[in-house]
Amino acid sequence: MNDSTLTLEQLRVRGIQVLGEQLGIVGMVRFLQQTETGWGNYTEERHQWLGDPNIKTLAQDIQTHYPKKLGG
């Protein structure tokens, strides 16, 4: 099969095979760990976690959480 006609899944499998052959199992895993893109939408999820605080609220939260380090 020509590499240019591979499906994305076939290409992924072939790529992992080549990585394993050329780098060994440990090298392949290390490489894949570096290139993992993750999942989800961080921007949308961040707004769910943080809401939309203003700068005054953030400053108060920091001073409450770290009173000795900031002289609070």
Protein backbone atom coordinates (compact mmCIF):
# COMPACT_ATOMS: atom_id res chain seq x y z
CA MET A 1 0.00 0.00 0.00
CA ASN A 2 1.25 3.46 -0.91
CA ASP A 3 1.89 5.66 2.16
CA SER A 4 -0.06 8.52 0.57
CA THR A 5 -3.24 6.42 0.45
CA LEU A 6 -3.20 5.28 4.08
CA THR A 7 -6.13 6.22 6.29
CA LEU A 8 -5.30 8.30 9.35
CA GLU A 9 -5.64 5.20 11.54
CA GLN A 10 -3.34 3.16 9.27
CA LEU A 11 -0.83 6.01 9.25
CA ARG A 12 -0.91 6.21 13.06
CA VAL A 13 -0.36 2.46 13.42
CA ARG A 14 2.48 2.49 10.87
CA GLY A 15 4.08 5.47 12.56
CA ILE A 16 4.04 3.71 15.93
CA GLN A 17 5.55 0.61 14.32
CA VAL A 18 8.37 2.65 12.80
CA LEU A 19 9.02 4.49 16.06
CA GLY A 20 9.23 1.17 17.90
CA GLU A 21 11.59 -0.27 15.32
CA GLN A 22 13.88 2.77 15.20
CA LEU A 23 13.80 3.96 18.82
CA GLY A 24 12.95 0.81 20.74
CA ILE A 25 9.99 0.58 23.10
CA VAL A 26 11.37 2.97 25.73
CA GLY A 27 12.39 5.58 23.17
CA MET A 28 9.02 5.30 21.45
CA VAL A 29 7.14 5.83 24.72
CA ARG A 30 9.34 8.80 25.63
CA PHE A 31 8.74 10.36 22.21
CA LEU A 32 4.99 9.82 22.40
CA GLN A 33 4.87 11.38 25.88
CA GLN A 34 6.52 14.53 24.49
CA THR A 35 4.10 14.84 21.61
CA GLU A 36 0.83 14.05 23.39
CA THR A 37 -1.66 16.79 22.54
CA GLY A 38 -4.20 15.99 25.21
CA TRP A 39 -7.92 16.38 24.73
CA GLY A 40 -10.75 18.72 25.50
CA ASN A 41 -10.90 22.47 25.17
CA TYR A 42 -8.74 24.06 27.87
CA THR A 43 -10.06 27.57 27.19
CA GLU A 44 -13.70 26.58 27.71
CA GLU A 45 -12.90 24.41 30.72
CA ARG A 46 -10.78 27.15 32.32
CA HIS A 47 -13.77 29.50 32.31
CA GLN A 48 -15.82 26.81 34.05
CA TRP A 49 -13.15 26.40 36.75
CA LEU A 50 -12.28 30.04 37.26
CA GLY A 51 -15.42 31.89 36.29
CA ASP A 52 -14.75 35.52 35.47
CA PRO A 53 -13.19 37.10 38.58
CA ASN A 54 -12.06 40.72 38.53
CA ILE A 55 -8.59 41.84 39.59
CA LYS A 56 -9.74 42.97 43.05
CA THR A 57 -11.26 39.54 43.77
CA LEU A 58 -8.08 37.82 42.58
CA ALA A 59 -5.90 40.03 44.77
CA GLN A 60 -8.09 39.33 47.82
CA ASP A 61 -7.97 35.59 47.16
CA ILE A 62 -4.18 35.67 46.88
CA GLN A 63 -3.79 37.68 50.07
CA THR A 64 -6.12 35.31 51.90
CA HIS A 65 -4.26 32.25 50.66
CA TYR A 66 -0.72 33.60 51.16
CA PRO A 67 -1.00 36.20 53.98
CA LYS A 68 2.53 35.85 55.40
CA LYS A 69 4.34 35.88 52.07
CA LEU A 70 2.60 39.06 50.92
CA GLY A 71 2.60 40.94 54.21
CA GLY A 72 -1.17 40.56 54.67
